[in-house]
N, C-alpha and C. Protein backbone atom coordinates (compact mmCIF):
# COMPACT_ATOMS: atom_id res chain seq x y z
N UNK A 1 -37.35 11.88 -11.69
CA UNK A 1 -36.02 11.75 -10.95
C UNK A 1 -35.64 11.34 -9.95
N UNK A 2 -33.86 10.44 -10.07
CA UNK A 2 -33.56 9.17 -9.56
C UNK A 2 -33.31 10.12 -8.80
N UNK A 3 -32.88 10.05 -7.06
CA UNK A 3 -32.67 10.29 -5.91
C UNK A 3 -31.82 9.21 -5.93
N UNK A 4 -30.07 9.58 -5.82
CA UNK A 4 -28.77 8.66 -5.34
C UNK A 4 -28.38 8.90 -3.55
N UNK A 5 -29.14 7.22 -3.29
CA UNK A 5 -28.94 7.28 -1.60
C UNK A 5 -27.47 6.72 -1.35
N UNK A 6 -26.98 5.54 -2.23
CA UNK A 6 -25.87 4.80 -1.70
C UNK A 6 -25.01 5.46 -2.75
N UNK A 7 -23.76 4.78 -1.66
CA UNK A 7 -22.45 5.37 -1.73
C UNK A 7 -21.43 3.73 -2.52
N UNK A 8 -20.72 4.10 -3.46
CA UNK A 8 -18.94 2.93 -3.37
C UNK A 8 -18.55 2.67 -2.31
N UNK A 9 -18.39 1.66 -1.76
CA UNK A 9 -17.48 1.82 -1.08
C UNK A 9 -16.27 0.59 -1.23
N UNK A 10 -15.61 0.06 -0.75
CA UNK A 10 -14.62 -0.62 -0.84
C UNK A 10 -14.62 -1.54 0.15
N UNK A 11 -14.34 -3.04 0.22
CA UNK A 11 -14.60 -3.92 1.35
C UNK A 11 -13.98 -5.45 0.84
N UNK A 12 -13.29 -5.60 2.30
CA UNK A 12 -12.42 -7.29 1.88
C UNK A 12 -13.55 -8.39 1.20
N UNK A 13 -12.49 -8.99 0.17
CA UNK A 13 -13.46 -9.37 -0.83
C UNK A 13 -14.02 -10.82 0.20
N UNK A 14 -13.36 -11.26 1.17
CA UNK A 14 -13.96 -12.09 1.71
C UNK A 14 -15.12 -11.50 2.72
N UNK A 15 -15.62 -10.72 2.48
CA UNK A 15 -16.53 -10.02 3.55
C UNK A 15 -17.99 -10.19 2.56
N UNK A 16 -17.74 -10.47 1.50
CA UNK A 16 -18.50 -10.20 0.36
C UNK A 16 -19.32 -11.87 -0.04
N UNK A 17 -20.70 -12.10 0.45
CA UNK A 17 -21.21 -13.74 0.07
C UNK A 17 -21.69 -13.90 -0.84
N UNK A 18 -21.58 -14.78 -1.95
CA UNK A 18 -22.43 -14.70 -2.63
C UNK A 18 -24.02 -15.21 -3.10
N UNK A 19 -24.57 -15.00 -3.50
CA UNK A 19 -26.07 -15.25 -3.60
C UNK A 19 -26.62 -16.99 -3.70
N UNK A 20 -26.68 -17.43 -3.00
CA UNK A 20 -26.98 -19.04 -3.47
C UNK A 20 -27.93 -19.20 -4.02
N UNK A 21 -29.07 -17.97 -3.93
CA UNK A 21 -30.11 -18.43 -5.17
C UNK A 21 -30.23 -17.32 -6.55
N UNK A 22 -28.40 -17.26 -6.78
CA UNK A 22 -28.37 -16.94 -7.64
C UNK A 22 -28.89 -17.30 -8.72
N UNK A 23 -29.63 -16.72 -9.73
CA UNK A 23 -30.78 -17.22 -11.05
C UNK A 23 -29.10 -17.27 -12.55
N UNK A 24 -28.48 -16.86 -12.23
CA UNK A 24 -27.40 -16.76 -13.66
C UNK A 24 -26.09 -17.42 -13.24
N UNK A 25 -25.68 -18.42 -14.45
CA UNK A 25 -24.68 -18.80 -14.45
C UNK A 25 -23.89 -18.27 -15.82
N UNK A 26 -22.47 -18.60 -15.34
CA UNK A 26 -21.30 -18.01 -16.63
C UNK A 26 -20.32 -19.10 -16.72
N UNK A 27 -20.23 -20.19 -17.93
CA UNK A 27 -19.13 -20.92 -17.43
C UNK A 27 -17.78 -20.90 -18.65
N UNK A 28 -17.18 -21.93 -17.81
CA UNK A 28 -15.98 -22.50 -19.35
C UNK A 28 -15.46 -20.77 -19.85
N UNK A 29 -14.96 -20.85 -21.14
CA UNK A 29 -14.62 -19.86 -21.82
C UNK A 29 -15.34 -18.73 -21.31
N UNK A 30 -16.45 -18.16 -21.09
CA UNK A 30 -16.81 -17.27 -20.86
C UNK A 30 -16.39 -16.93 -19.74
N UNK A 31 -16.47 -17.68 -18.73
CA UNK A 31 -15.89 -17.32 -17.25
C UNK A 31 -14.57 -16.74 -17.26
N UNK A 32 -13.78 -17.22 -18.15
CA UNK A 32 -12.64 -17.22 -18.41
C UNK A 32 -11.79 -15.85 -18.60
N UNK A 33 -13.19 -15.14 -19.96
CA UNK A 33 -12.99 -13.74 -20.87
C UNK A 33 -13.30 -12.58 -19.97
N UNK A 34 -14.44 -12.98 -18.55
CA UNK A 34 -14.48 -12.46 -17.74
C UNK A 34 -13.36 -12.09 -17.00
N UNK A 35 -12.91 -12.50 -16.27
CA UNK A 35 -11.30 -13.24 -15.78
C UNK A 35 -10.53 -12.13 -15.93
N UNK A 36 -10.52 -11.89 -17.69
CA UNK A 36 -9.19 -11.79 -18.27
C UNK A 36 -9.48 -9.97 -18.28
N UNK A 37 -11.13 -9.70 -18.83
CA UNK A 37 -11.21 -8.34 -18.99
C UNK A 37 -11.20 -7.63 -17.58
N UNK A 38 -11.40 -8.63 -16.60
CA UNK A 38 -10.98 -7.87 -14.79
C UNK A 38 -9.90 -7.34 -14.32
N UNK A 39 -8.75 -8.44 -15.08
CA UNK A 39 -7.20 -8.27 -15.11
C UNK A 39 -6.89 -7.26 -16.20
N UNK A 40 -7.28 -6.90 -17.32
CA UNK A 40 -7.12 -6.17 -18.06
C UNK A 40 -7.40 -4.62 -18.04
N UNK A 41 -8.56 -4.52 -17.19
CA UNK A 41 -9.55 -3.52 -17.42
C UNK A 41 -10.22 -3.06 -15.82
N UNK A 42 -8.92 -3.21 -14.36
CA UNK A 42 -9.65 -3.59 -13.44
C UNK A 42 -10.33 -2.12 -13.16
N UNK A 43 -10.52 -0.76 -13.88
CA UNK A 43 -11.19 0.09 -12.92
C UNK A 43 -12.37 0.23 -13.58
N UNK A 44 -12.92 -0.96 -14.43
CA UNK A 44 -14.05 -1.00 -14.83
C UNK A 44 -14.99 -1.29 -13.42
N UNK A 45 -14.13 -2.14 -12.51
CA UNK A 45 -15.45 -2.27 -11.34
C UNK A 45 -15.90 -1.20 -10.71
N UNK A 46 -15.03 -0.54 -10.75
CA UNK A 46 -14.91 1.25 -9.98
C UNK A 46 -16.49 2.05 -10.89
N UNK A 47 -16.91 1.80 -11.85
CA UNK A 47 -18.12 2.29 -12.00
C UNK A 47 -19.01 1.45 -12.48
N UNK A 48 -18.85 -0.02 -12.09
CA UNK A 48 -19.66 -1.20 -12.13
C UNK A 48 -19.72 -2.43 -10.62
N UNK A 49 -20.09 -1.51 -9.48
CA UNK A 49 -19.30 -2.35 -8.37
C UNK A 49 -20.76 -3.40 -8.06
N UNK A 50 -20.35 -4.32 -6.87
CA UNK A 50 -20.95 -5.11 -7.05
C UNK A 50 -21.78 -4.39 -5.95
N UNK A 51 -22.99 -5.13 -5.98
CA UNK A 51 -24.50 -4.66 -5.32
C UNK A 51 -24.89 -5.42 -4.21
N UNK A 52 -25.00 -5.44 -3.14
CA UNK A 52 -24.99 -6.08 -1.63
C UNK A 52 -25.73 -5.60 -0.75
N UNK A 53 -26.41 -6.65 0.02
CA UNK A 53 -27.38 -6.07 0.83
C UNK A 53 -26.74 -5.98 2.32
N UNK A 54 -27.80 -5.47 3.34
CA UNK A 54 -27.09 -5.02 4.86
C UNK A 54 -25.70 -6.56 5.11
N UNK A 55 -26.27 -7.99 4.95
CA UNK A 55 -25.87 -9.32 5.09
C UNK A 55 -24.43 -9.33 4.37
N UNK A 56 -24.32 -8.50 3.50
CA UNK A 56 -23.09 -8.66 2.72
C UNK A 56 -23.16 -9.93 1.65
N UNK A 57 -24.62 -9.71 1.08
CA UNK A 57 -24.61 -10.97 0.02
C UNK A 57 -25.05 -10.53 -1.27
N UNK A 58 -24.30 -10.97 -2.07
CA UNK A 58 -24.23 -10.37 -3.67
C UNK A 58 -25.94 -10.42 -4.30
N UNK A 59 -26.56 -8.99 -4.41
CA UNK A 59 -27.83 -9.00 -5.32
C UNK A 59 -27.27 -8.98 -6.64
N UNK A 60 -26.31 -8.39 -7.30
CA UNK A 60 -26.28 -7.88 -8.59
C UNK A 60 -24.47 -8.04 -8.71
N UNK A 61 -23.80 -8.81 -9.42
CA UNK A 61 -22.63 -9.12 -9.51
C UNK A 61 -22.09 -10.38 -9.33
N UNK A 62 -22.74 -11.42 -9.02
CA UNK A 62 -22.16 -12.94 -8.47
C UNK A 62 -21.03 -13.57 -9.25
N UNK A 63 -21.31 -13.23 -10.97
CA UNK A 63 -20.19 -13.99 -11.66
C UNK A 63 -18.98 -12.85 -11.68
N UNK A 64 -18.72 -11.97 -11.60
CA UNK A 64 -17.51 -10.79 -11.44
C UNK A 64 -17.48 -10.84 -9.81
N UNK A 65 -17.81 -11.41 -8.84
CA UNK A 65 -17.23 -11.74 -7.52
C UNK A 65 -16.04 -12.77 -7.73
N UNK A 66 -17.57 -13.97 -8.49
CA UNK A 66 -16.55 -15.02 -8.49
C UNK A 66 -15.35 -14.73 -8.99
N UNK A 67 -15.22 -14.33 -10.66
CA UNK A 67 -14.01 -13.77 -11.64
C UNK A 67 -12.97 -12.96 -10.64
N UNK A 68 -13.54 -11.69 -9.80
CA UNK A 68 -12.69 -11.26 -9.32
C UNK A 68 -12.01 -12.16 -8.03
N UNK A 69 -12.23 -12.87 -7.76
CA UNK A 69 -11.82 -13.82 -6.57
C UNK A 69 -10.41 -14.60 -7.38
N UNK A 70 -10.77 -15.06 -8.69
CA UNK A 70 -9.99 -15.98 -9.41
C UNK A 70 -9.00 -15.20 -10.13
N UNK A 71 -9.16 -13.87 -10.07
CA UNK A 71 -8.38 -12.75 -10.64
C UNK A 71 -7.20 -12.32 -9.11
N UNK A 72 -8.02 -12.64 -8.27
CA UNK A 72 -6.90 -12.35 -7.07
C UNK A 72 -7.00 -11.38 -6.71
N UNK A 73 -8.21 -10.81 -6.53
CA UNK A 73 -8.80 -9.31 -5.77
C UNK A 73 -8.77 -9.41 -4.52
N UNK A 74 -8.16 -9.03 -3.78
CA UNK A 74 -8.40 -8.78 -2.25
C UNK A 74 -9.66 -7.64 -1.55
N UNK A 75 -9.50 -6.94 -2.58
CA UNK A 75 -10.68 -5.70 -2.00
C UNK A 75 -11.85 -5.43 -3.67
N UNK A 76 -12.53 -5.07 -3.23
CA UNK A 76 -13.84 -4.95 -4.60
C UNK A 76 -14.63 -3.75 -3.79
N UNK A 77 -15.11 -3.12 -5.15
CA UNK A 77 -16.31 -1.88 -4.91
C UNK A 77 -17.16 -2.36 -5.26
N UNK A 78 -18.37 -1.83 -3.88
CA UNK A 78 -19.84 -2.33 -3.43
C UNK A 78 -20.62 -1.46 -3.29
N UNK A 79 -21.96 -1.34 -3.38
CA UNK A 79 -23.02 -0.64 -3.17
C UNK A 79 -23.89 -1.16 -2.37
N UNK A 80 -23.96 -0.83 -0.71
CA UNK A 80 -24.54 -1.77 -0.07
C UNK A 80 -26.03 -0.96 -0.37
N UNK A 81 -27.06 -2.01 -0.14
CA UNK A 81 -28.50 -1.77 -0.12
C UNK A 81 -29.27 -1.55 1.42
N UNK A 82 -30.16 -1.48 1.53
CA UNK A 82 -31.06 -1.67 2.85
C UNK A 82 -32.27 -1.82 1.85
N UNK A 83 -32.69 -2.57 1.15
CA UNK A 83 -33.84 -2.91 0.38
C UNK A 83 -34.84 -3.95 1.27
N UNK A 84 -35.89 -3.92 1.04
CA UNK A 84 -36.52 -5.08 1.55
C UNK A 84 -36.19 -6.44 1.30
N UNK A 85 -37.40 -7.36 1.14
CA UNK A 85 -36.87 -8.92 0.57
C UNK A 85 -37.54 -8.81 -1.17
N UNK A 86 -38.77 -8.15 -0.67
CA UNK A 86 -39.10 -7.77 -2.35
C UNK A 86 -38.39 -7.16 -3.28
N UNK A 87 -38.05 -6.22 -2.66
CA UNK A 87 -37.15 -5.11 -3.34
C UNK A 87 -35.75 -5.51 -3.86
N UNK A 88 -35.67 -6.57 -3.07
CA UNK A 88 -34.05 -7.40 -3.39
C UNK A 88 -34.23 -8.07 -4.52
N UNK A 89 -35.17 -9.28 -4.21
CA UNK A 89 -35.94 -10.39 -4.99
C UNK A 89 -35.93 -9.63 -6.52
N UNK A 90 -36.73 -8.48 -6.91
CA UNK A 90 -37.06 -7.64 -7.46
C UNK A 90 -35.57 -7.24 -8.29
N UNK A 91 -35.09 -6.64 -7.89
CA UNK A 91 -33.62 -6.14 -8.80
C UNK A 91 -33.20 -7.19 -8.91
N UNK A 92 -33.08 -8.51 -8.32
CA UNK A 92 -32.35 -9.61 -8.74
C UNK A 92 -32.54 -9.89 -10.25
N UNK A 93 -33.66 -10.43 -10.55
CA UNK A 93 -34.42 -11.07 -11.48
C UNK A 93 -34.28 -9.30 -12.66
N UNK A 94 -34.60 -7.81 -12.37
CA UNK A 94 -34.48 -6.82 -13.60
C UNK A 94 -33.09 -6.97 -13.73
N UNK A 95 -32.35 -7.09 -12.98
CA UNK A 95 -30.90 -7.03 -12.87
C UNK A 95 -30.51 -8.14 -13.70
N UNK A 96 -30.67 -8.95 -14.06
CA UNK A 96 -30.36 -10.41 -14.74
C UNK A 96 -30.93 -10.39 -15.89
N UNK A 97 -32.10 -9.41 -16.58
CA UNK A 97 -32.46 -9.66 -17.60
C UNK A 97 -32.12 -8.99 -18.56
N UNK A 98 -31.54 -9.61 -19.61
CA UNK A 98 -30.71 -9.10 -20.64
C UNK A 98 -31.49 -8.47 -22.09
N UNK A 99 -31.64 -7.19 -21.84
CA UNK A 99 -32.56 -6.57 -22.77
C UNK A 99 -31.86 -6.17 -23.79
N UNK A 100 -32.45 -6.34 -25.19
CA UNK A 100 -32.13 -5.78 -26.41
C UNK A 100 -31.11 -7.15 -27.34
N UNK A 101 -30.85 -6.80 -27.93
CA UNK A 101 -29.55 -8.17 -28.59
C UNK A 101 -28.45 -7.15 -29.19
N UNK A 102 -27.36 -7.76 -29.79
CA UNK A 102 -26.12 -7.89 -30.27
C UNK A 102 -26.47 -7.30 -31.63
N UNK A 103 -25.48 -5.95 -32.09
CA UNK A 103 -26.06 -5.99 -33.56
C UNK A 103 -24.47 -6.82 -34.14
N UNK A 104 -24.33 -7.31 -34.72
CA UNK A 104 -23.38 -8.59 -34.43
C UNK A 104 -22.49 -7.49 -35.67
N UNK A 105 -23.45 -7.12 -36.88
CA UNK A 105 -22.63 -6.29 -38.19
C UNK A 105 -22.05 -5.37 -37.37
N UNK A 106 -22.85 -4.38 -37.06
CA UNK A 106 -22.12 -3.13 -36.05
C UNK A 106 -20.80 -3.61 -35.26
N UNK A 107 -20.92 -4.62 -34.61
CA UNK A 107 -19.56 -5.08 -34.24
C UNK A 107 -18.39 -5.26 -34.86
N UNK A 108 -18.78 -5.94 -35.97
CA UNK A 108 -17.56 -6.77 -36.83
C UNK A 108 -16.99 -5.12 -37.41
N UNK A 109 -17.87 -4.61 -37.83
CA UNK A 109 -17.07 -3.34 -38.26
C UNK A 109 -16.66 -2.12 -37.82
N UNK A 110 -17.01 -2.27 -36.57
CA UNK A 110 -16.92 -0.92 -35.72
C UNK A 110 -16.16 -1.28 -34.24
N UNK A 111 -15.78 -2.43 -34.14
CA UNK A 111 -15.42 -2.70 -32.92
C UNK A 111 -14.30 -3.54 -33.05
N UNK A 112 -13.04 -3.73 -32.34
CA UNK A 112 -11.84 -4.20 -32.72
C UNK A 112 -11.96 -5.66 -32.00
N UNK A 113 -12.98 -6.02 -30.67
CA UNK A 113 -13.15 -6.97 -30.08
C UNK A 113 -14.53 -7.56 -29.94
């Protein structure tokens, strides 16, 4: 069983620092789509908050942070962790692994966008 020990906080966006060692990037059109999705459906961020460490460095959600800044957000939802350095590195890698793949047929037939 998973024990939930963290809670969502809302903090000023200027306090949250991007991770300089973030292993993923999103560019150009895909980034523009992320900015648009945050503008169109900002409530989504409340259920997918940024994950930060005790120094306010992003462990999960670096591209969302960048998109939130571009979208003009002044506050962001975060979950603050107190993980060890090894736990932080493990989370960063595991959070950035894309398991599975899209079922393009189902997307084309069952979803509008």
